[in-house]
Amino acid sequence: MVAGLDGTALSMLAAVPYRDAVVEMPLVLEAAMDELGLSYHLVDSANAMEAGLTALSARMLAGHLAPRDLTTWAHQKFSHDGLALARTLVELDDMYDCAEYPITAPDTSEVEAQIRAEARRIVALSE
């Protein structure tokens, strides 16, 4: 609203009291997102998970998130059997764990280069 956006659904969303947000927000969120021209995804849907992964990958590429933080998040959120799009990042997180044992481990700069390449691939898929 500060930016001059004042659609009906957005105004209704802004008016939802914090104490009632769990019940009322889902009723107006989709319409508000539509007014803003943004995609709406149901919580924990495959589309929502892919959008989250893409957004965090883009943040990492922009320098706002460390590569290790991206892989740790992906591993915790999706594990090895979760979202297929995140599988390589999850495996790269395992490589960080191996880096603690320098005799057999790849260099962390090598791992980070692979993470950046995978993040670029993920972001490119959404374009």
N, C-alpha and C. Protein backbone atom coordinates (compact mmCIF):
# COMPACT_ATOMS: atom_id res chain seq x y z
N MET A 1 0.84 -1.18 0.00
CA MET A 1 0.00 0.00 0.00
C MET A 1 0.88 1.25 0.00
N VAL A 2 2.02 1.14 0.61
CA VAL A 2 2.96 2.26 0.61
C VAL A 2 3.42 2.54 -0.81
N ALA A 3 3.54 1.51 -1.61
CA ALA A 3 4.00 1.65 -2.99
C ALA A 3 2.87 2.08 -3.93
N GLY A 4 1.70 2.40 -3.41
CA GLY A 4 0.59 2.84 -4.23
C GLY A 4 -0.31 1.73 -4.71
N LEU A 5 -0.12 0.55 -4.21
CA LEU A 5 -0.98 -0.58 -4.56
C LEU A 5 -2.13 -0.62 -3.56
N ASP A 6 -3.35 -0.55 -4.07
CA ASP A 6 -4.47 -0.47 -3.14
C ASP A 6 -5.70 -1.23 -3.61
N GLY A 7 -5.49 -2.41 -4.14
CA GLY A 7 -6.62 -3.23 -4.58
C GLY A 7 -7.47 -3.65 -3.39
N THR A 8 -8.67 -4.06 -3.68
CA THR A 8 -9.60 -4.47 -2.63
C THR A 8 -9.06 -5.65 -1.80
N ALA A 9 -8.61 -6.68 -2.47
CA ALA A 9 -8.11 -7.86 -1.75
C ALA A 9 -6.86 -7.53 -0.95
N LEU A 10 -5.99 -6.69 -1.51
CA LEU A 10 -4.77 -6.30 -0.79
C LEU A 10 -5.13 -5.49 0.45
N SER A 11 -6.11 -4.62 0.34
CA SER A 11 -6.57 -3.85 1.50
C SER A 11 -7.18 -4.76 2.55
N MET A 12 -7.93 -5.76 2.11
CA MET A 12 -8.52 -6.71 3.06
C MET A 12 -7.43 -7.51 3.76
N LEU A 13 -6.39 -7.90 3.01
CA LEU A 13 -5.28 -8.64 3.60
C LEU A 13 -4.55 -7.78 4.64
N ALA A 14 -4.33 -6.53 4.30
CA ALA A 14 -3.64 -5.62 5.22
C ALA A 14 -4.44 -5.38 6.49
N ALA A 15 -5.75 -5.52 6.40
CA ALA A 15 -6.62 -5.25 7.55
C ALA A 15 -6.80 -6.46 8.48
N VAL A 16 -6.26 -7.60 8.11
CA VAL A 16 -6.41 -8.79 8.95
C VAL A 16 -5.60 -8.61 10.23
N PRO A 17 -6.28 -8.66 11.39
CA PRO A 17 -5.55 -8.53 12.66
C PRO A 17 -4.64 -9.75 12.88
N TYR A 18 -3.52 -9.52 13.50
CA TYR A 18 -2.54 -10.58 13.75
C TYR A 18 -3.20 -11.77 14.47
N ARG A 19 -4.01 -11.47 15.45
CA ARG A 19 -4.62 -12.56 16.25
C ARG A 19 -5.56 -13.43 15.43
N ASP A 20 -6.05 -12.92 14.29
CA ASP A 20 -6.98 -13.67 13.44
C ASP A 20 -6.33 -14.16 12.14
N ALA A 21 -5.03 -13.95 11.99
CA ALA A 21 -4.36 -14.22 10.72
C ALA A 21 -4.46 -15.68 10.28
N VAL A 22 -4.36 -16.62 11.20
CA VAL A 22 -4.39 -18.04 10.83
C VAL A 22 -5.70 -18.40 10.14
N VAL A 23 -6.78 -17.81 10.59
CA VAL A 23 -8.09 -18.12 10.03
C VAL A 23 -8.43 -17.24 8.83
N GLU A 24 -8.19 -15.93 8.94
CA GLU A 24 -8.65 -14.98 7.91
C GLU A 24 -7.70 -14.81 6.73
N MET A 25 -6.41 -14.90 6.97
CA MET A 25 -5.46 -14.64 5.89
C MET A 25 -5.64 -15.57 4.70
N PRO A 26 -5.78 -16.88 4.91
CA PRO A 26 -5.95 -17.76 3.74
C PRO A 26 -7.18 -17.41 2.89
N LEU A 27 -8.17 -16.77 3.49
CA LEU A 27 -9.38 -16.42 2.75
C LEU A 27 -9.16 -15.31 1.74
N VAL A 28 -8.16 -14.46 1.95
CA VAL A 28 -7.95 -13.31 1.05
C VAL A 28 -6.57 -13.33 0.37
N LEU A 29 -5.69 -14.20 0.79
CA LEU A 29 -4.32 -14.19 0.27
C LEU A 29 -4.26 -14.46 -1.23
N GLU A 30 -4.96 -15.46 -1.70
CA GLU A 30 -4.90 -15.79 -3.13
C GLU A 30 -5.37 -14.62 -3.99
N ALA A 31 -6.44 -13.96 -3.60
CA ALA A 31 -6.95 -12.82 -4.36
C ALA A 31 -5.96 -11.65 -4.32
N ALA A 32 -5.33 -11.43 -3.18
CA ALA A 32 -4.34 -10.35 -3.07
C ALA A 32 -3.13 -10.65 -3.95
N MET A 33 -2.67 -11.87 -3.96
CA MET A 33 -1.54 -12.25 -4.81
C MET A 33 -1.90 -12.05 -6.28
N ASP A 34 -3.14 -12.41 -6.64
CA ASP A 34 -3.60 -12.23 -8.01
C ASP A 34 -3.61 -10.76 -8.40
N GLU A 35 -4.07 -9.89 -7.50
CA GLU A 35 -4.08 -8.45 -7.76
C GLU A 35 -2.67 -7.92 -8.03
N LEU A 36 -1.69 -8.51 -7.38
CA LEU A 36 -0.30 -8.06 -7.53
C LEU A 36 0.41 -8.73 -8.71
N GLY A 37 -0.29 -9.67 -9.35
CA GLY A 37 0.30 -10.37 -10.48
C GLY A 37 1.31 -11.42 -10.04
N LEU A 38 1.17 -11.91 -8.82
CA LEU A 38 2.08 -12.91 -8.27
C LEU A 38 1.43 -14.28 -8.23
N SER A 39 2.24 -15.30 -8.34
CA SER A 39 1.74 -16.66 -8.27
C SER A 39 1.37 -17.02 -6.84
N TYR A 40 0.31 -17.78 -6.70
CA TYR A 40 -0.11 -18.26 -5.39
C TYR A 40 0.03 -19.78 -5.39
N HIS A 41 0.65 -20.29 -4.36
CA HIS A 41 0.83 -21.74 -4.23
C HIS A 41 0.29 -22.18 -2.88
N LEU A 42 -0.41 -23.27 -2.85
CA LEU A 42 -0.87 -23.82 -1.58
C LEU A 42 0.32 -24.22 -0.73
N VAL A 43 0.19 -24.05 0.56
CA VAL A 43 1.27 -24.40 1.49
C VAL A 43 1.67 -25.86 1.30
N ASP A 44 2.95 -26.10 1.25
CA ASP A 44 3.53 -27.44 1.11
C ASP A 44 3.20 -28.16 -0.19
N SER A 45 2.69 -27.42 -1.18
CA SER A 45 2.47 -28.05 -2.49
C SER A 45 3.82 -28.14 -3.20
N ALA A 46 3.91 -28.98 -4.20
CA ALA A 46 5.15 -29.11 -4.97
C ALA A 46 5.53 -27.77 -5.59
N ASN A 47 4.53 -27.04 -6.09
CA ASN A 47 4.81 -25.73 -6.69
C ASN A 47 5.38 -24.76 -5.66
N ALA A 48 4.83 -24.78 -4.45
CA ALA A 48 5.34 -23.89 -3.40
C ALA A 48 6.77 -24.25 -3.03
N MET A 49 7.05 -25.53 -2.92
CA MET A 49 8.40 -25.96 -2.57
C MET A 49 9.40 -25.59 -3.66
N GLU A 50 9.01 -25.78 -4.91
CA GLU A 50 9.90 -25.41 -6.02
C GLU A 50 10.11 -23.91 -6.07
N ALA A 51 9.06 -23.13 -5.81
CA ALA A 51 9.20 -21.67 -5.80
C ALA A 51 10.13 -21.23 -4.68
N GLY A 52 10.01 -21.85 -3.52
CA GLY A 52 10.89 -21.52 -2.40
C GLY A 52 12.34 -21.87 -2.70
N LEU A 53 12.55 -23.04 -3.29
CA LEU A 53 13.90 -23.46 -3.65
C LEU A 53 14.49 -22.52 -4.69
N THR A 54 13.70 -22.12 -5.66
CA THR A 54 14.16 -21.20 -6.69
C THR A 54 14.51 -19.84 -6.09
N ALA A 55 13.66 -19.34 -5.20
CA ALA A 55 13.91 -18.04 -4.57
C ALA A 55 15.18 -18.06 -3.73
N LEU A 56 15.38 -19.11 -2.96
CA LEU A 56 16.59 -19.20 -2.14
C LEU A 56 17.84 -19.41 -3.00
N SER A 57 17.70 -20.13 -4.09
CA SER A 57 18.83 -20.30 -5.01
C SER A 57 19.22 -18.95 -5.62
N ALA A 58 18.23 -18.16 -5.99
CA ALA A 58 18.50 -16.83 -6.54
C ALA A 58 19.15 -15.93 -5.50
N ARG A 59 18.68 -16.01 -4.26
CA ARG A 59 19.30 -15.22 -3.18
C ARG A 59 20.76 -15.62 -2.96
N MET A 60 21.04 -16.90 -3.05
CA MET A 60 22.42 -17.36 -2.89
C MET A 60 23.28 -16.82 -4.03
N LEU A 61 22.77 -16.89 -5.25
CA LEU A 61 23.52 -16.39 -6.39
C LEU A 61 23.76 -14.89 -6.31
N ALA A 62 22.85 -14.17 -5.67
CA ALA A 62 22.98 -12.72 -5.51
C ALA A 62 23.89 -12.34 -4.33
N GLY A 63 24.34 -13.36 -3.59
CA GLY A 63 25.24 -13.10 -2.48
C GLY A 63 24.56 -12.83 -1.15
N HIS A 64 23.26 -13.08 -1.07
CA HIS A 64 22.50 -12.83 0.16
C HIS A 64 22.37 -14.06 1.04
N LEU A 65 22.90 -15.18 0.59
CA LEU A 65 22.82 -16.44 1.33
C LEU A 65 24.08 -17.23 1.01
N ALA A 66 24.69 -17.79 2.03
CA ALA A 66 25.90 -18.58 1.81
C ALA A 66 25.54 -19.91 1.15
N PRO A 67 26.41 -20.43 0.29
CA PRO A 67 26.14 -21.72 -0.35
C PRO A 67 25.84 -22.83 0.67
N ARG A 68 26.57 -22.85 1.75
CA ARG A 68 26.35 -23.89 2.77
C ARG A 68 24.96 -23.75 3.38
N ASP A 69 24.50 -22.52 3.57
CA ASP A 69 23.17 -22.31 4.14
C ASP A 69 22.08 -22.82 3.19
N LEU A 70 22.29 -22.65 1.89
CA LEU A 70 21.32 -23.16 0.91
C LEU A 70 21.24 -24.68 0.97
N THR A 71 22.39 -25.34 0.98
CA THR A 71 22.37 -26.81 1.00
C THR A 71 21.85 -27.36 2.32
N THR A 72 22.19 -26.70 3.42
CA THR A 72 21.69 -27.14 4.72
C THR A 72 20.17 -27.03 4.76
N TRP A 73 19.64 -25.90 4.28
CA TRP A 73 18.18 -25.71 4.25
C TRP A 73 17.52 -26.79 3.38
N ALA A 74 18.09 -27.01 2.19
CA ALA A 74 17.51 -28.01 1.27
C ALA A 74 17.52 -29.40 1.91
N HIS A 75 18.61 -29.73 2.58
CA HIS A 75 18.73 -31.04 3.22
C HIS A 75 17.70 -31.19 4.34
N GLN A 76 17.55 -30.15 5.16
CA GLN A 76 16.59 -30.21 6.26
C GLN A 76 15.15 -30.22 5.76
N LYS A 77 14.88 -29.44 4.74
CA LYS A 77 13.50 -29.31 4.23
C LYS A 77 13.06 -30.53 3.41
N PHE A 78 13.95 -31.04 2.56
CA PHE A 78 13.53 -32.07 1.60
C PHE A 78 14.15 -33.45 1.85
N SER A 79 15.22 -33.54 2.57
CA SER A 79 15.98 -34.77 2.80
C SER A 79 16.32 -35.44 1.46
N HIS A 80 16.76 -36.67 1.50
CA HIS A 80 17.19 -37.36 0.27
C HIS A 80 16.03 -37.86 -0.58
N ASP A 81 14.88 -38.05 0.01
CA ASP A 81 13.76 -38.62 -0.73
C ASP A 81 12.67 -37.61 -1.08
N GLY A 82 12.95 -36.32 -0.82
CA GLY A 82 11.94 -35.29 -1.05
C GLY A 82 11.95 -34.77 -2.47
N LEU A 83 11.78 -33.48 -2.60
CA LEU A 83 11.66 -32.79 -3.88
C LEU A 83 12.83 -33.14 -4.81
N ALA A 84 12.53 -33.68 -5.98
CA ALA A 84 13.56 -34.10 -6.92
C ALA A 84 14.46 -32.94 -7.34
N LEU A 85 13.90 -31.77 -7.49
CA LEU A 85 14.66 -30.59 -7.91
C LEU A 85 15.75 -30.24 -6.90
N ALA A 86 15.58 -30.61 -5.65
CA ALA A 86 16.54 -30.27 -4.60
C ALA A 86 17.58 -31.37 -4.36
N ARG A 87 17.43 -32.49 -5.01
CA ARG A 87 18.25 -33.65 -4.70
C ARG A 87 19.76 -33.39 -4.83
N THR A 88 20.18 -32.69 -5.85
CA THR A 88 21.61 -32.43 -6.02
C THR A 88 22.13 -31.54 -4.90
N LEU A 89 21.35 -30.54 -4.49
CA LEU A 89 21.78 -29.68 -3.38
C LEU A 89 21.90 -30.49 -2.09
N VAL A 90 20.99 -31.41 -1.89
CA VAL A 90 21.04 -32.27 -0.70
C VAL A 90 22.31 -33.12 -0.73
N GLU A 91 22.64 -33.67 -1.88
CA GLU A 91 23.86 -34.47 -1.99
C GLU A 91 25.11 -33.61 -1.80
N LEU A 92 25.07 -32.36 -2.27
CA LEU A 92 26.20 -31.46 -2.07
C LEU A 92 26.35 -31.09 -0.60
N ASP A 93 25.25 -31.05 0.13
CA ASP A 93 25.34 -30.81 1.57
C ASP A 93 26.10 -31.95 2.24
N ASP A 94 25.86 -33.17 1.78
CA ASP A 94 26.61 -34.31 2.30
C ASP A 94 28.11 -34.16 2.03
N MET A 95 28.44 -33.57 0.89
CA MET A 95 29.85 -33.38 0.55
C MET A 95 30.52 -32.41 1.53
N TYR A 96 29.77 -31.42 2.01
CA TYR A 96 30.32 -30.53 3.04
C TYR A 96 30.70 -31.33 4.28
N ASP A 97 29.85 -32.27 4.64
CA ASP A 97 30.16 -33.11 5.81
C ASP A 97 31.45 -33.89 5.59
N CYS A 98 31.66 -34.36 4.37
CA CYS A 98 32.89 -35.10 4.04
C CYS A 98 34.10 -34.18 4.08
N ALA A 99 33.90 -32.90 3.81
CA ALA A 99 35.02 -31.94 3.79
C ALA A 99 35.66 -31.80 5.17
N GLU A 100 34.98 -32.27 6.21
CA GLU A 100 35.56 -32.22 7.55
C GLU A 100 36.65 -33.27 7.71
N TYR A 101 36.73 -34.19 6.76
CA TYR A 101 37.75 -35.24 6.78
C TYR A 101 38.65 -35.03 5.56
N PRO A 102 39.67 -34.20 5.67
CA PRO A 102 40.43 -33.74 4.50
C PRO A 102 41.16 -34.81 3.71
N ILE A 103 41.33 -35.98 4.23
CA ILE A 103 42.08 -37.01 3.49
C ILE A 103 41.31 -37.46 2.25
N THR A 104 39.98 -37.59 2.36
CA THR A 104 39.18 -38.11 1.25
C THR A 104 38.21 -37.08 0.67
N ALA A 105 38.20 -35.89 1.22
CA ALA A 105 37.16 -34.93 0.87
C ALA A 105 37.57 -33.97 -0.24
N PRO A 106 36.59 -33.52 -1.01
CA PRO A 106 36.87 -32.47 -1.99
C PRO A 106 37.07 -31.14 -1.25
N ASP A 107 37.74 -30.24 -1.89
CA ASP A 107 37.94 -28.90 -1.35
C ASP A 107 36.58 -28.19 -1.29
N THR A 108 36.35 -27.41 -0.23
CA THR A 108 35.04 -26.74 -0.11
C THR A 108 34.80 -25.76 -1.24
N SER A 109 35.86 -25.17 -1.81
CA SER A 109 35.65 -24.25 -2.93
C SER A 109 35.12 -25.00 -4.15
N GLU A 110 35.53 -26.25 -4.29
CA GLU A 110 35.01 -27.12 -5.34
C GLU A 110 33.51 -27.39 -5.13
N VAL A 111 33.16 -27.69 -3.90
CA VAL A 111 31.76 -27.95 -3.55
C VAL A 111 30.93 -26.70 -3.80
N GLU A 112 31.44 -25.54 -3.38
CA GLU A 112 30.70 -24.29 -3.58
C GLU A 112 30.51 -23.96 -5.05
N ALA A 113 31.48 -24.27 -5.88
CA ALA A 113 31.34 -24.06 -7.33
C ALA A 113 30.22 -24.95 -7.88
N GLN A 114 30.13 -26.18 -7.40
CA GLN A 114 29.06 -27.08 -7.83
C GLN A 114 27.70 -26.58 -7.34
N ILE A 115 27.67 -26.02 -6.13
CA ILE A 115 26.41 -25.49 -5.60
C ILE A 115 25.95 -24.31 -6.44
N ARG A 116 26.87 -23.43 -6.79
CA ARG A 116 26.51 -22.27 -7.62
C ARG A 116 25.99 -22.72 -8.99
N ALA A 117 26.62 -23.73 -9.56
CA ALA A 117 26.17 -24.25 -10.86
C ALA A 117 24.77 -24.84 -10.74
N GLU A 118 24.52 -25.57 -9.68
CA GLU A 118 23.20 -26.17 -9.48
C GLU A 118 22.16 -25.09 -9.23
N ALA A 119 22.50 -24.07 -8.46
CA ALA A 119 21.56 -22.96 -8.20
C ALA A 119 21.23 -22.24 -9.51
N ARG A 120 22.23 -22.03 -10.36
CA ARG A 120 21.96 -21.39 -11.67
C ARG A 120 21.01 -22.26 -12.49
N ARG A 121 21.20 -23.57 -12.46
CA ARG A 121 20.31 -24.49 -13.19
C ARG A 121 18.89 -24.39 -12.68
N ILE A 122 18.73 -24.37 -11.35
CA ILE A 122 17.40 -24.29 -10.74
C ILE A 122 16.70 -23.00 -11.12
N VAL A 123 17.42 -21.89 -11.03
CA VAL A 123 16.83 -20.59 -11.38
C VAL A 123 16.47 -20.54 -12.86
N ALA A 124 17.32 -21.08 -13.71
CA ALA A 124 17.06 -21.07 -15.15
C ALA A 124 15.81 -21.85 -15.52
N LEU A 125 15.51 -22.90 -14.78
CA LEU A 125 14.31 -23.70 -15.05
C LEU A 125 13.03 -22.90 -14.85
N SER A 126 13.09 -21.89 -14.00
CA SER A 126 11.87 -21.12 -13.70
C SER A 126 11.68 -19.94 -14.65
N GLU A 127 12.67 -19.68 -15.48
CA GLU A 127 12.58 -18.51 -16.37
C GLU A 127 11.87 -18.82 -17.65
